[in-house]
Amino acid sequence: MEWKSLYLLVNLGSIAVPLLLSFDKKVAFYSKWKAFWPANLITLTFFIIWDVIFTEASIWGFNENYLLGPNLFGLPIEEWLFFICIPYACVFMYETFRTYIKGNPFQRWGKPGLGLIFLVCIALAVMYPDRYYTFYTAIFTAVGIAILWRNNPKWTGWLIFSYLIILIPFILANGVLTGIEFWKYPFFNSEVQNIDDMIVWYNNKHNLSFRIFSVPIDDTIYGFLLVGMNVTLYERFLKRHH
């Protein structure tokens, strides 16, 4: 199967509805773009540098059967768009939850939740120093959490609540990227995937080798770092504009 525009369609499908609903009068996310875009640019820069290094090291890579062809610094243009489209959708959902849900559902669990994730990350880094995707994802996430813990922002509970909801569409999108027919895999498995069925492939020697459908379980921590960094910087820029 070859479908050159598939990765592009995943990106566009992820951002289409959030972009349209950004003009909802109550959320009015478009009015907060001045906070989102600089936050996203900084986050994108960090993740792209990481991505370039890991792609060159063959820790992960891309299947040309599902790419349009153009690339920049060794990464397909679709991968660049991923770090724009997915964060946009996630921060939009975060802002929508804060607008429409009264009270903070995880107000008491924000700091304990961060503490739990921090401990998991430290444990993973200690246990798997030679599995580079697992190790560096855990280290970077632990550092990010330590910074949040020190500042203790009031929106921490909202971040965790939002991410737990976001995990569902995040796994669906990543499921298509890591196994086009991801629903055919067991919910929790350690099967080695067929690269012909992937848009993005992973070297299992550098991750935990366990998957949710076709998605490496490490992606759940990676996703938290991606969303958390975007939200943290977004909130900081938002505060500057008020």
Protein backbone atom coordinates (compact mmCIF):
# COMPACT_ATOMS: atom_id res chain seq x y z
CA MET A 1 0.00 0.00 0.00
CA GLU A 2 1.29 3.46 -0.89
CA TRP A 3 -0.59 6.58 0.12
CA LYS A 4 1.81 9.49 -0.15
CA SER A 5 -0.45 12.00 1.57
CA LEU A 6 -1.40 9.84 4.58
CA TYR A 7 0.89 11.51 7.16
CA LEU A 8 -0.24 14.92 5.90
CA LEU A 9 -3.89 13.88 6.26
CA VAL A 10 -3.29 12.76 9.86
CA ASN A 11 -1.89 16.22 10.64
CA LEU A 12 -4.69 18.08 8.88
CA GLY A 13 -7.33 15.85 10.43
CA SER A 14 -5.94 16.61 13.88
CA ILE A 15 -6.05 20.39 13.51
CA ALA A 16 -9.11 20.89 11.29
CA VAL A 17 -11.87 20.90 13.92
CA PRO A 18 -9.87 22.76 16.62
CA LEU A 19 -8.94 25.41 14.06
CA LEU A 20 -12.56 25.92 13.01
CA LEU A 21 -13.78 25.99 16.62
CA SER A 22 -11.07 28.49 17.58
CA PHE A 23 -13.55 31.18 16.60
CA ASP A 24 -16.19 29.98 19.07
CA LYS A 25 -17.30 33.12 20.90
CA LYS A 26 -16.89 31.67 24.38
CA VAL A 27 -13.46 30.07 23.95
CA ALA A 28 -12.19 32.58 21.35
CA PHE A 29 -8.91 30.70 21.08
CA TYR A 30 -7.93 32.84 18.08
CA SER A 31 -7.57 35.79 20.46
CA LYS A 32 -4.92 33.80 22.35
CA TRP A 33 -2.80 32.97 19.30
CA LYS A 34 -0.31 35.65 20.41
CA ALA A 35 0.44 33.38 23.37
CA PHE A 36 0.19 30.03 21.59
CA TRP A 37 2.43 30.62 18.57
CA PRO A 38 5.59 31.73 20.40
CA ALA A 39 5.07 28.90 22.89
CA ASN A 40 4.70 26.44 20.05
CA LEU A 41 7.75 27.79 18.20
CA ILE A 42 10.00 27.29 21.23
CA THR A 43 8.63 23.81 21.86
CA LEU A 44 8.87 22.87 18.18
CA THR A 45 12.53 23.92 18.11
CA PHE A 46 13.38 21.68 21.06
CA PHE A 47 11.53 18.65 19.67
CA ILE A 48 12.86 19.10 16.13
CA ILE A 49 16.47 19.12 17.35
CA TRP A 50 15.74 15.96 19.35
CA ASP A 51 13.97 14.45 16.33
CA VAL A 52 16.87 15.15 13.95
CA ILE A 53 19.39 13.52 16.31
CA PHE A 54 17.25 10.41 16.90
CA THR A 55 16.39 10.04 13.21
CA GLU A 56 20.07 10.16 12.26
CA ALA A 57 20.76 7.53 14.95
CA SER A 58 17.96 5.29 13.55
CA ILE A 59 16.14 5.28 16.88
CA TRP A 60 13.07 6.04 14.80
CA GLY A 61 12.41 6.84 11.17
CA PHE A 62 9.84 7.39 8.44
CA ASN A 63 8.33 5.28 5.69
CA GLU A 64 8.61 7.06 2.34
CA ASN A 65 5.51 5.23 1.05
CA TYR A 66 3.37 7.61 3.13
CA LEU A 67 5.28 10.87 2.65
CA LEU A 68 5.00 13.58 0.00
CA GLY A 69 8.78 13.81 -0.33
CA PRO A 70 10.03 17.27 0.78
CA ASN A 71 12.20 17.29 3.90
CA LEU A 72 14.12 19.78 6.00
CA PHE A 73 17.20 18.88 8.08
CA GLY A 74 16.53 15.22 7.30
CA LEU A 75 12.93 15.27 8.55
CA PRO A 76 9.88 15.01 6.30
CA ILE A 77 7.81 18.18 6.16
CA GLU A 78 4.93 16.21 7.66
CA GLU A 79 6.99 15.66 10.82
CA TRP A 80 7.45 19.41 11.18
CA LEU A 81 3.70 19.87 10.78
CA PHE A 82 3.10 17.23 13.48
CA PHE A 83 4.69 19.53 16.07
CA ILE A 84 2.34 22.32 15.03
CA CYS A 85 -0.94 20.51 14.41
CA ILE A 86 -0.96 18.16 17.42
CA PRO A 87 0.04 20.84 19.99
CA TYR A 88 -2.50 23.25 18.52
CA ALA A 89 -5.27 20.70 18.96
CA CYS A 90 -4.10 19.84 22.48
CA VAL A 91 -3.75 23.41 23.78
CA PHE A 92 -7.11 24.25 22.19
CA MET A 93 -8.71 21.34 24.08
CA TYR A 94 -6.97 22.43 27.29
CA GLU A 95 -8.35 25.96 26.89
CA THR A 96 -11.82 24.63 25.98
CA PHE A 97 -11.97 22.46 29.11
CA ARG A 98 -10.99 25.43 31.25
CA THR A 99 -13.70 27.55 29.62
CA TYR A 100 -16.63 25.13 29.71
CA ILE A 101 -16.00 23.05 32.84
CA LYS A 102 -16.75 24.82 36.10
CA GLY A 103 -14.11 24.32 38.75
CA ASN A 104 -10.89 22.39 38.43
CA PRO A 105 -11.66 18.63 38.48
CA PHE A 106 -8.10 17.81 39.48
CA GLN A 107 -7.40 20.80 41.71
CA ARG A 108 -6.20 18.61 44.59
CA TRP A 109 -4.40 16.14 42.36
CA GLY A 110 -2.24 18.45 40.27
CA LYS A 111 0.90 18.39 42.40
CA PRO A 112 0.56 14.74 43.56
CA GLY A 113 -0.05 13.76 39.92
CA LEU A 114 3.13 15.52 38.82
CA GLY A 115 4.99 13.85 41.65
CA LEU A 116 3.84 10.42 40.54
CA ILE A 117 4.86 11.03 36.92
CA PHE A 118 8.22 12.37 38.13
CA LEU A 119 8.91 9.22 40.14
CA VAL A 120 7.95 7.00 37.20
CA CYS A 121 10.32 8.96 34.95
CA ILE A 122 13.22 8.71 37.40
CA ALA A 123 12.63 4.97 37.77
CA LEU A 124 12.60 4.50 33.98
CA ALA A 125 15.78 6.54 33.54
CA VAL A 126 17.59 4.47 36.19
CA MET A 127 16.33 1.13 34.87
CA TYR A 128 16.82 1.73 31.14
CA PRO A 129 19.84 4.00 30.51
CA ASP A 130 20.70 2.10 27.31
CA ARG A 131 17.21 2.48 25.79
CA TYR A 132 17.64 5.99 24.46
CA TYR A 133 14.04 6.84 23.64
CA THR A 134 12.89 5.70 27.09
CA PHE A 135 15.85 7.28 28.89
CA TYR A 136 15.82 10.73 27.31
CA THR A 137 12.03 11.01 27.32
CA ALA A 138 12.04 10.20 31.03
CA ILE A 139 14.89 12.62 31.81
CA PHE A 140 13.44 15.55 29.84
CA THR A 141 9.99 14.98 31.35
CA ALA A 142 11.41 14.75 34.88
CA VAL A 143 13.24 18.06 34.39
CA GLY A 144 10.07 19.71 33.08
CA ILE A 145 8.07 18.43 36.05
CA ALA A 146 10.72 19.64 38.50
CA ILE A 147 10.39 23.14 37.04
CA LEU A 148 6.60 22.99 37.29
CA TRP A 149 6.80 21.64 40.86
CA ARG A 150 8.97 24.57 41.90
CA ASN A 151 6.65 27.18 40.37
CA ASN A 152 3.49 25.31 41.44
CA PRO A 153 1.09 27.05 39.00
CA LYS A 154 -2.64 26.91 39.74
CA TRP A 155 -3.39 25.29 36.38
CA THR A 156 -1.38 22.11 37.04
CA GLY A 157 -4.56 20.14 37.77
CA TRP A 158 -6.04 21.34 34.49
CA LEU A 159 -2.96 20.13 32.64
CA ILE A 160 -3.22 16.60 34.05
CA PHE A 161 -7.00 16.45 33.59
CA SER A 162 -6.73 17.68 30.01
CA TYR A 163 -3.93 15.27 29.13
CA LEU A 164 -5.88 12.27 30.43
CA ILE A 165 -8.69 13.20 28.02
CA ILE A 166 -6.28 14.12 25.22
CA LEU A 167 -4.64 10.68 25.50
CA ILE A 168 -7.56 9.13 23.62
CA PRO A 169 -7.25 11.15 20.38
CA PHE A 170 -3.46 11.21 20.85
CA ILE A 171 -3.29 7.41 20.80
CA LEU A 172 -5.67 7.28 17.84
CA ALA A 173 -3.50 9.68 15.81
CA ASN A 174 -0.28 7.97 16.85
CA GLY A 175 -1.93 4.64 16.17
CA VAL A 176 -2.32 5.55 12.51
CA LEU A 177 1.29 6.75 12.39
CA THR A 178 2.78 3.66 14.03
CA GLY A 179 0.42 1.05 12.54
CA ILE A 180 -2.02 2.18 9.90
CA GLU A 181 -4.51 -0.54 10.85
CA PHE A 182 -3.64 -0.20 14.54
CA TRP A 183 -6.97 -1.60 15.73
CA LYS A 184 -5.89 -5.05 14.53
CA TYR A 185 -3.24 -5.23 17.24
CA PRO A 186 -4.00 -6.35 20.83
CA PHE A 187 -4.73 -3.45 23.17
CA PHE A 188 -1.52 -4.09 25.13
CA ASN A 189 1.18 -6.10 23.40
CA SER A 190 4.87 -6.53 22.70
CA GLU A 191 4.58 -7.48 19.05
CA VAL A 192 7.21 -6.25 16.62
CA GLN A 193 5.39 -4.24 13.98
CA ASN A 194 5.75 -4.63 10.22
CA ILE A 195 7.51 -1.53 8.89
CA ASP A 196 5.39 -1.60 5.71
CA ASP A 197 2.36 -0.90 7.91
CA MET A 198 3.96 2.15 9.56
CA ILE A 199 4.32 5.80 8.71
CA VAL A 200 6.71 6.24 11.64
CA TRP A 201 8.78 3.25 12.78
CA TYR A 202 10.63 2.75 16.06
CA ASN A 203 13.73 0.75 16.89
CA ASN A 204 12.47 -1.45 19.73
CA LYS A 205 15.97 -1.71 21.20
CA HIS A 206 15.57 1.89 22.36
CA ASN A 207 12.07 1.80 23.87
CA LEU A 208 10.22 -0.34 26.39
CA SER A 209 9.01 -2.68 23.60
CA PHE A 210 5.45 -2.60 24.95
CA ARG A 211 2.70 -1.06 22.86
CA ILE A 212 -0.84 0.21 23.24
CA PHE A 213 -2.22 -1.16 19.99
CA SER A 214 0.68 -0.10 17.73
CA VAL A 215 1.83 2.87 19.84
CA PRO A 216 5.01 2.49 21.95
CA ILE A 217 4.01 3.01 25.57
CA ASP A 218 6.88 5.50 25.85
CA ASP A 219 4.79 7.82 23.67
CA THR A 220 2.42 8.46 26.58
CA ILE A 221 5.26 10.16 28.49
CA TYR A 222 6.62 11.81 25.35
CA GLY A 223 3.11 13.15 24.70
CA PHE A 224 2.86 14.55 28.21
CA LEU A 225 6.15 16.36 27.70
CA LEU A 226 5.00 17.74 24.34
CA VAL A 227 1.65 18.94 25.69
CA GLY A 228 3.07 20.08 29.03
CA MET A 229 5.80 22.19 27.45
CA ASN A 230 3.35 23.84 25.07
CA VAL A 231 0.86 24.56 27.87
CA THR A 232 3.53 25.84 30.28
CA LEU A 233 4.94 28.32 27.76
CA TYR A 234 1.44 29.20 26.53
CA GLU A 235 0.37 30.11 30.08
CA ARG A 236 3.54 32.14 30.56
CA PHE A 237 3.01 34.16 27.37
CA LEU A 238 -0.68 34.49 28.16
CA LYS A 239 0.20 36.01 31.53
CA ARG A 240 2.50 38.54 29.82
CA HIS A 241 -0.33 39.73 27.61
CA HIS A 242 -2.70 40.35 30.51
